[in-house]
Amino acid sequence: MESNHGGGIQQLLAAEHEAQQIVTAARNAKMTRLKQAKDEAETEIAEHRTSTEQGFQRKLEATSGDSGANVKRLEEETNAKIEQLKNEASRISKDVVEMLLKNVTTVNN
């Protein structure tokens, strides 16, 4: 009967060793897959970052060009408005001076 117990213990030890190998292989496979997933995620993040940065640069260039044109257009409009106001002031300044003199020198009772 003892030899039967010795054989059963050997079988249990062999089964435990085999189970340990299976667990170790599963852990190694899991670690390999986690590393692979991390690498894939980093690649996707880098691609997304690059794509987003390129889109941002395109928008920045598009709006920068527009803002340069807008600044030039606003400067032209401002200068035109200033000239218009100067011309209007020159045209009516004589009338304004006469009106002021008339109101200052006229006494009402």
Protein backbone atom coordinates (compact mmCIF):
# COMPACT_ATOMS: atom_id res chain seq x y z
CA MET A 1 0.00 0.00 0.00
CA GLU A 2 2.92 2.32 0.69
CA SER A 3 4.16 1.96 -2.85
CA ASN A 4 0.71 2.94 -4.00
CA HIS A 5 0.88 6.09 -1.85
CA GLY A 6 4.37 6.88 -3.15
CA GLY A 7 3.14 6.62 -6.73
CA GLY A 8 0.16 8.86 -5.93
CA ILE A 9 2.44 11.48 -4.38
CA GLN A 10 4.66 11.36 -7.45
CA GLN A 11 1.61 11.86 -9.66
CA LEU A 12 0.48 14.78 -7.52
CA LEU A 13 3.95 16.36 -7.67
CA ALA A 14 4.06 15.86 -11.44
CA ALA A 15 0.56 17.37 -11.81
CA GLU A 16 1.54 20.32 -9.60
CA HIS A 17 4.69 20.86 -11.66
CA GLU A 18 2.69 20.71 -14.89
CA ALA A 19 0.10 23.15 -13.46
CA GLN A 20 2.90 25.51 -12.44
CA GLN A 21 4.30 25.40 -15.99
CA ILE A 22 0.85 26.13 -17.42
CA VAL A 23 0.40 29.09 -15.04
CA THR A 24 3.90 30.40 -15.88
CA ALA A 25 3.21 30.08 -19.62
CA ALA A 26 -0.13 31.89 -19.19
CA ARG A 27 1.56 34.70 -17.22
CA ASN A 28 4.24 35.04 -19.89
CA ALA A 29 1.60 35.12 -22.63
CA LYS A 30 -0.37 37.72 -20.68
CA MET A 31 2.73 39.90 -20.17
CA THR A 32 3.61 39.59 -23.86
CA ARG A 33 0.08 40.58 -24.88
CA LEU A 34 0.06 43.51 -22.42
CA LYS A 35 3.36 44.76 -23.83
CA GLN A 36 2.03 44.37 -27.37
CA ALA A 37 -1.18 46.25 -26.46
CA LYS A 38 0.87 49.03 -24.84
CA ASP A 39 3.04 49.34 -27.96
CA GLU A 40 -0.06 49.43 -30.18
CA ALA A 41 -1.65 52.09 -27.97
CA GLU A 42 1.52 54.21 -28.05
CA THR A 43 1.59 53.94 -31.85
CA GLU A 44 -2.06 54.99 -32.10
CA ILE A 45 -1.47 57.88 -29.70
CA ALA A 46 1.52 59.06 -31.73
CA GLU A 47 -0.47 58.85 -34.97
CA HIS A 48 -3.40 60.72 -33.43
CA ARG A 49 -1.08 63.37 -31.97
CA THR A 50 0.60 63.84 -35.36
CA SER A 51 -2.75 64.06 -37.14
CA THR A 52 -4.13 66.53 -34.60
CA GLU A 53 -0.99 68.66 -34.75
CA GLN A 54 -1.12 68.74 -38.56
CA GLY A 55 -4.78 69.78 -38.48
CA PHE A 56 -3.98 72.48 -35.94
CA GLN A 57 -1.10 73.78 -38.09
CA ARG A 58 -3.36 73.87 -41.18
CA LYS A 59 -6.01 75.83 -39.29
CA LEU A 60 -3.38 78.14 -37.84
CA GLU A 61 -1.95 78.83 -41.30
CA ALA A 62 -5.42 79.38 -42.73
CA THR A 63 -6.44 81.81 -40.01
CA SER A 64 -3.06 83.55 -39.97
CA GLY A 65 -3.38 84.26 -43.66
CA ASP A 66 -6.89 85.54 -43.11
CA SER A 67 -5.87 87.68 -40.18
CA GLY A 68 -3.10 89.29 -42.24
CA ALA A 69 -5.63 90.08 -44.95
CA ASN A 70 -8.11 91.29 -42.33
CA VAL A 71 -5.51 93.58 -40.76
CA LYS A 72 -4.68 95.07 -44.15
CA ARG A 73 -8.36 95.50 -45.02
CA LEU A 74 -9.07 97.13 -41.64
CA GLU A 75 -6.11 99.50 -42.06
CA GLU A 76 -7.38 100.51 -45.50
CA GLU A 77 -10.92 101.04 -44.18
CA THR A 78 -9.61 103.04 -41.22
CA ASN A 79 -7.45 105.25 -43.42
CA ALA A 80 -10.36 105.82 -45.80
CA LYS A 81 -12.63 106.75 -42.86
CA ILE A 82 -9.99 109.14 -41.47
CA GLU A 83 -9.70 110.85 -44.85
CA GLN A 84 -13.47 111.08 -45.13
CA LEU A 85 -13.71 112.67 -41.66
CA LYS A 86 -10.89 115.13 -42.45
CA ASN A 87 -12.61 116.17 -45.68
CA GLU A 88 -15.94 116.55 -43.88
CA ALA A 89 -14.30 118.58 -41.11
CA SER A 90 -12.60 120.86 -43.67
CA ARG A 91 -15.84 121.34 -45.53
CA ILE A 92 -17.96 122.32 -42.53
CA SER A 93 -15.36 123.98 -40.29
CA LYS A 94 -16.09 127.44 -41.76
CA ASP A 95 -19.83 126.99 -41.10
CA VAL A 96 -19.17 125.74 -37.54
CA VAL A 97 -16.91 128.72 -36.78
CA GLU A 98 -19.52 131.16 -38.11
CA MET A 99 -22.28 129.47 -36.07
CA LEU A 100 -20.17 129.59 -32.91
CA LEU A 101 -19.30 133.28 -33.43
CA LYS A 102 -22.91 134.11 -34.08
CA ASN A 103 -24.08 132.34 -30.92
CA VAL A 104 -21.33 133.81 -28.78
CA THR A 105 -21.76 137.34 -29.95
CA THR A 106 -25.57 137.38 -29.94
CA VAL A 107 -27.18 138.43 -26.68
CA ASN A 108 -30.71 137.30 -25.96
CA ASN A 109 -32.86 139.16 -23.46
